[in-house]
Each structure stands twice: as structure tokens, then as C-alpha cells.
Amino acid sequence: MAFGADLVSERYRRLFEKDTNGHYIATSCPAIVNYVERYYPALVDALAPIVSP
């Protein structure tokens, strides 16, 4: 599990280095992703494009 966490944290680091002005919603919780998709579809683009293992 620690190895997976290292991979995900590295991806988030690269994402924030590339887009310093961007705001993202973390996608590590499937319930949050489903909530955004269902109730706030305008924010789907704000979901971080990172899949947790």
C-alpha cells in the first residue's frame, strides 16, 4: 500500500508543478467522485485526473 501511495503522491506533485494556478478535487475517494458527478456536474473538470490504485 505504501508503494501505491508513493505513486499517487508523485502524480499529484507533477500535476501541481505543471499547473500552479489550478484547483483540483482529489479523486482518491469514489464517494466524492460520484457526488460531484451526480450533484455538481459542472465541477467534473475539476476532478484530478489521477486514479488511486
PDB file of N, CA and C in Angstrom:
ATOM      1  N   MET A   1       0.814  -1.179   0.000  1.00  0.00           N
ATOM      2  CA  MET A   1       0.000   0.000   0.000  1.00  0.00           C
ATOM      3  C   MET A   1       0.869   1.257   0.000  1.00  0.00           C
ATOM      4  N   ALA A   2       1.975   1.214   0.698  1.00  0.00           N
ATOM      5  CA  ALA A   2       2.854   2.384   0.754  1.00  0.00           C
ATOM      6  C   ALA A   2       3.399   2.716  -0.635  1.00  0.00           C
ATOM      7  N   PHE A   3       3.696   1.695  -1.431  1.00  0.00           N
ATOM      8  CA  PHE A   3       4.202   1.934  -2.778  1.00  0.00           C
ATOM      9  C   PHE A   3       3.148   2.650  -3.629  1.00  0.00           C
ATOM     10  N   GLY A   4       1.901   2.221  -3.526  1.00  0.00           N
ATOM     11  CA  GLY A   4       0.812   2.871  -4.249  1.00  0.00           C
ATOM     12  C   GLY A   4       0.635   4.313  -3.819  1.00  0.00           C
ATOM     13  N   ALA A   5       0.750   4.573  -2.520  1.00  0.00           N
ATOM     14  CA  ALA A   5       0.632   5.941  -2.014  1.00  0.00           C
ATOM     15  C   ALA A   5       1.763   6.813  -2.559  1.00  0.00           C
ATOM     16  N   ASP A   6       2.952   6.246  -2.671  1.00  0.00           N
ATOM     17  CA  ASP A   6       4.078   6.990  -3.243  1.00  0.00           C
ATOM     18  C   ASP A   6       3.813   7.346  -4.709  1.00  0.00           C
ATOM     19  N   LEU A   7       3.257   6.411  -5.454  1.00  0.00           N
ATOM     20  CA  LEU A   7       2.954   6.680  -6.859  1.00  0.00           C
ATOM     21  C   LEU A   7       1.918   7.791  -7.002  1.00  0.00           C
ATOM     22  N   VAL A   8       0.872   7.721  -6.202  1.00  0.00           N
ATOM     23  CA  VAL A   8      -0.189   8.722  -6.276  1.00  0.00           C
ATOM     24  C   VAL A   8       0.334  10.093  -5.861  1.00  0.00           C
ATOM     25  N   SER A   9       1.107  10.144  -4.792  1.00  0.00           N
ATOM     26  CA  SER A   9       1.623  11.438  -4.343  1.00  0.00           C
ATOM     27  C   SER A   9       2.568  12.047  -5.380  1.00  0.00           C
ATOM     28  N   GLU A  10       3.324  11.223  -6.069  1.00  0.00           N
ATOM     29  CA  GLU A  10       4.203  11.717  -7.130  1.00  0.00           C
ATOM     30  C   GLU A  10       3.385  12.300  -8.273  1.00  0.00           C
ATOM     31  N   ARG A  11       2.300  11.650  -8.625  1.00  0.00           N
ATOM     32  CA  ARG A  11       1.435  12.167  -9.701  1.00  0.00           C
ATOM     33  C   ARG A  11       0.808  13.505  -9.315  1.00  0.00           C
ATOM     34  N   TYR A  12       0.356  13.624  -8.053  1.00  0.00           N
ATOM     35  CA  TYR A  12      -0.199  14.905  -7.597  1.00  0.00           C
ATOM     36  C   TYR A  12       0.875  15.995  -7.617  1.00  0.00           C
ATOM     37  N   ARG A  13       2.089  15.655  -7.214  1.00  0.00           N
ATOM     38  CA  ARG A  13       3.178  16.630  -7.231  1.00  0.00           C
ATOM     39  C   ARG A  13       3.416  17.130  -8.650  1.00  0.00           C
ATOM     40  N   ARG A  14       3.471  16.208  -9.604  1.00  0.00           N
ATOM     41  CA  ARG A  14       3.690  16.602 -11.003  1.00  0.00           C
ATOM     42  C   ARG A  14       2.526  17.434 -11.535  1.00  0.00           C
ATOM     43  N   LEU A  15       1.314  17.083 -11.141  1.00  0.00           N
ATOM     44  CA  LEU A  15       0.142  17.833 -11.583  1.00  0.00           C
ATOM     45  C   LEU A  15       0.211  19.275 -11.099  1.00  0.00           C
ATOM     46  N   PHE A  16       0.560  19.466  -9.830  1.00  0.00           N
ATOM     47  CA  PHE A  16       0.605  20.816  -9.273  1.00  0.00           C
ATOM     48  C   PHE A  16       1.813  21.611  -9.758  1.00  0.00           C
ATOM     49  N   GLU A  17       2.897  20.947 -10.093  1.00  0.00           N
ATOM     50  CA  GLU A  17       4.037  21.650 -10.677  1.00  0.00           C
ATOM     51  C   GLU A  17       3.705  22.144 -12.083  1.00  0.00           C
ATOM     52  N   LYS A  18       2.960  21.344 -12.831  1.00  0.00           N
ATOM     53  CA  LYS A  18       2.608  21.689 -14.207  1.00  0.00           C
ATOM     54  C   LYS A  18       1.571  22.810 -14.263  1.00  0.00           C
ATOM     55  N   ASP A  19       0.619  22.783 -13.351  1.00  0.00           N
ATOM     56  CA  ASP A  19      -0.491  23.743 -13.361  1.00  0.00           C
ATOM     57  C   ASP A  19      -0.571  24.411 -11.992  1.00  0.00           C
ATOM     58  N   THR A  20       0.229  25.444 -11.785  1.00  0.00           N
ATOM     59  CA  THR A  20       0.329  26.063 -10.462  1.00  0.00           C
ATOM     60  C   THR A  20      -0.906  26.852 -10.071  1.00  0.00           C
ATOM     61  N   ASN A  21      -1.725  27.266 -11.024  1.00  0.00           N
ATOM     62  CA  ASN A  21      -2.921  28.047 -10.711  1.00  0.00           C
ATOM     63  C   ASN A  21      -4.178  27.195 -10.634  1.00  0.00           C
ATOM     64  N   GLY A  22      -4.057  25.914 -10.909  1.00  0.00           N
ATOM     65  CA  GLY A  22      -5.229  25.046 -10.943  1.00  0.00           C
ATOM     66  C   GLY A  22      -5.704  24.634  -9.564  1.00  0.00           C
ATOM     67  N   HIS A  23      -6.998  24.405  -9.476  1.00  0.00           N
ATOM     68  CA  HIS A  23      -7.604  23.866  -8.264  1.00  0.00           C
ATOM     69  C   HIS A  23      -8.211  22.526  -8.638  1.00  0.00           C
ATOM     70  N   TYR A  24      -7.956  21.534  -7.829  1.00  0.00           N
ATOM     71  CA  TYR A  24      -8.434  20.199  -8.135  1.00  0.00           C
ATOM     72  C   TYR A  24      -9.139  19.599  -6.933  1.00  0.00           C
ATOM     73  N   ILE A  25     -10.056  18.703  -7.222  1.00  0.00           N
ATOM     74  CA  ILE A  25     -10.717  17.915  -6.198  1.00  0.00           C
ATOM     75  C   ILE A  25     -10.043  16.548  -6.234  1.00  0.00           C
ATOM     76  N   ALA A  26      -9.546  16.096  -5.097  1.00  0.00           N
ATOM     77  CA  ALA A  26      -8.862  14.804  -5.032  1.00  0.00           C
ATOM     78  C   ALA A  26      -9.838  13.686  -5.391  1.00  0.00           C
ATOM     79  N   THR A  27      -9.342  12.705  -6.106  1.00  0.00           N
ATOM     80  CA  THR A  27     -10.197  11.616  -6.581  1.00  0.00           C
ATOM     81  C   THR A  27      -9.918  10.295  -5.879  1.00  0.00           C
ATOM     82  N   SER A  28      -9.307  10.363  -4.718  1.00  0.00           N
ATOM     83  CA  SER A  28      -8.975   9.125  -4.016  1.00  0.00           C
ATOM     84  C   SER A  28     -10.195   8.483  -3.354  1.00  0.00           C
ATOM     85  N   CYS A  29     -11.276   9.220  -3.240  1.00  0.00           N
ATOM     86  CA  CYS A  29     -12.497   8.701  -2.617  1.00  0.00           C
ATOM     87  C   CYS A  29     -13.590   8.560  -3.676  1.00  0.00           C
ATOM     88  N   PRO A  30     -13.986   7.331  -3.993  1.00  0.00           N
ATOM     89  CA  PRO A  30     -15.016   7.129  -5.010  1.00  0.00           C
ATOM     90  C   PRO A  30     -16.343   7.803  -4.656  1.00  0.00           C
ATOM     91  N   ALA A  31     -16.658   7.927  -3.384  1.00  0.00           N
ATOM     92  CA  ALA A  31     -17.907   8.576  -2.986  1.00  0.00           C
ATOM     93  C   ALA A  31     -17.906  10.053  -3.379  1.00  0.00           C
ATOM     94  N   ILE A  32     -16.779  10.720  -3.232  1.00  0.00           N
ATOM     95  CA  ILE A  32     -16.677  12.129  -3.620  1.00  0.00           C
ATOM     96  C   ILE A  32     -16.814  12.274  -5.132  1.00  0.00           C
ATOM     97  N   VAL A  33     -16.172  11.385  -5.866  1.00  0.00           N
ATOM     98  CA  VAL A  33     -16.266  11.426  -7.325  1.00  0.00           C
ATOM     99  C   VAL A  33     -17.722  11.245  -7.756  1.00  0.00           C
ATOM    100  N   ASN A  34     -18.406  10.265  -7.186  1.00  0.00           N
ATOM    101  CA  ASN A  34     -19.812  10.038  -7.522  1.00  0.00           C
ATOM    102  C   ASN A  34     -20.675  11.232  -7.135  1.00  0.00           C
ATOM    103  N   TYR A  35     -20.403  11.833  -5.993  1.00  0.00           N
ATOM    104  CA  TYR A  35     -21.154  13.001  -5.530  1.00  0.00           C
ATOM    105  C   TYR A  35     -21.005  14.165  -6.500  1.00  0.00           C
ATOM    106  N   VAL A  36     -19.774  14.434  -6.911  1.00  0.00           N
ATOM    107  CA  VAL A  36     -19.527  15.526  -7.856  1.00  0.00           C
ATOM    108  C   VAL A  36     -20.217  15.227  -9.182  1.00  0.00           C
ATOM    109  N   GLU A  37     -20.074  14.005  -9.661  1.00  0.00           N
ATOM    110  CA  GLU A  37     -20.684  13.655 -10.942  1.00  0.00           C
ATOM    111  C   GLU A  37     -22.207  13.778 -10.896  1.00  0.00           C
ATOM    112  N   ARG A  38     -22.805  13.423  -9.793  1.00  0.00           N
ATOM    113  CA  ARG A  38     -24.260  13.432  -9.691  1.00  0.00           C
ATOM    114  C   ARG A  38     -24.841  14.816  -9.399  1.00  0.00           C
ATOM    115  N   TYR A  39     -24.267  15.516  -8.430  1.00  0.00           N
ATOM    116  CA  TYR A  39     -24.872  16.756  -7.946  1.00  0.00           C
ATOM    117  C   TYR A  39     -24.201  18.037  -8.459  1.00  0.00           C
ATOM    118  N   TYR A  40     -22.963  17.945  -8.892  1.00  0.00           N
ATOM    119  CA  TYR A  40     -22.232  19.115  -9.376  1.00  0.00           C
ATOM    120  C   TYR A  40     -21.496  18.795 -10.670  1.00  0.00           C
ATOM    121  N   PRO A  41     -22.213  18.426 -11.714  1.00  0.00           N
ATOM    122  CA  PRO A  41     -21.540  18.022 -12.957  1.00  0.00           C
ATOM    123  C   PRO A  41     -20.671  19.120 -13.567  1.00  0.00           C
ATOM    124  N   ALA A  42     -20.911  20.359 -13.218  1.00  0.00           N
ATOM    125  CA  ALA A  42     -20.066  21.441 -13.725  1.00  0.00           C
ATOM    126  C   ALA A  42     -18.651  21.360 -13.156  1.00  0.00           C
ATOM    127  N   LEU A  43     -18.481  20.656 -12.054  1.00  0.00           N
ATOM    128  CA  LEU A  43     -17.163  20.531 -11.423  1.00  0.00           C
ATOM    129  C   LEU A  43     -16.400  19.277 -11.842  1.00  0.00           C
ATOM    130  N   VAL A  44     -16.946  18.499 -12.742  1.00  0.00           N
ATOM    131  CA  VAL A  44     -16.261  17.262 -13.156  1.00  0.00           C
ATOM    132  C   VAL A  44     -14.881  17.569 -13.707  1.00  0.00           C
ATOM    133  N   ASP A  45     -14.737  18.681 -14.402  1.00  0.00           N
ATOM    134  CA  ASP A  45     -13.414  19.052 -14.938  1.00  0.00           C
ATOM    135  C   ASP A  45     -12.421  19.376 -13.833  1.00  0.00           C
ATOM    136  N   ALA A  46     -12.899  19.655 -12.624  1.00  0.00           N
ATOM    137  CA  ALA A  46     -12.012  19.971 -11.503  1.00  0.00           C
ATOM    138  C   ALA A  46     -11.521  18.718 -10.791  1.00  0.00           C
ATOM    139  N   LEU A  47     -12.065  17.560 -11.144  1.00  0.00           N
ATOM    140  CA  LEU A  47     -11.583  16.319 -10.538  1.00  0.00           C
ATOM    141  C   LEU A  47     -10.165  16.043 -11.038  1.00  0.00           C
ATOM    142  N   ALA A  48      -9.284  15.738 -10.126  1.00  0.00           N
ATOM    143  CA  ALA A  48      -7.894  15.458 -10.505  1.00  0.00           C
ATOM    144  C   ALA A  48      -7.852  14.224 -11.408  1.00  0.00           C
ATOM    145  N   PRO A  49      -7.087  14.279 -12.483  1.00  0.00           N
ATOM    146  CA  PRO A  49      -7.024  13.137 -13.422  1.00  0.00           C
ATOM    147  C   PRO A  49      -6.066  12.052 -12.931  1.00  0.00           C
ATOM    148  N   ILE A  50      -6.220  11.660 -11.681  1.00  0.00           N
ATOM    149  CA  ILE A  50      -5.322  10.668 -11.077  1.00  0.00           C
ATOM    150  C   ILE A  50      -6.175   9.553 -10.471  1.00  0.00           C
ATOM    151  N   VAL A  51      -5.864   8.335 -10.826  1.00  0.00           N
ATOM    152  CA  VAL A  51      -6.598   7.177 -10.317  1.00  0.00           C
ATOM    153  C   VAL A  51      -5.778   6.534  -9.219  1.00  0.00           C
ATOM    154  N   SER A  52      -6.400   6.345  -8.087  1.00  0.00           N
ATOM    155  CA  SER A  52      -5.716   5.701  -6.963  1.00  0.00           C
ATOM    156  C   SER A  52      -5.717   4.195  -7.169  1.00  0.00           C
ATOM    157  N   PRO A  53      -4.593   3.528  -6.882  1.00  0.00           N
ATOM    158  CA  PRO A  53      -4.534   2.075  -7.070  1.00  0.00           C
ATOM    159  C   PRO A  53      -5.363   1.321  -6.044  1.00  0.00           C
TER     160      PRO A  53
END
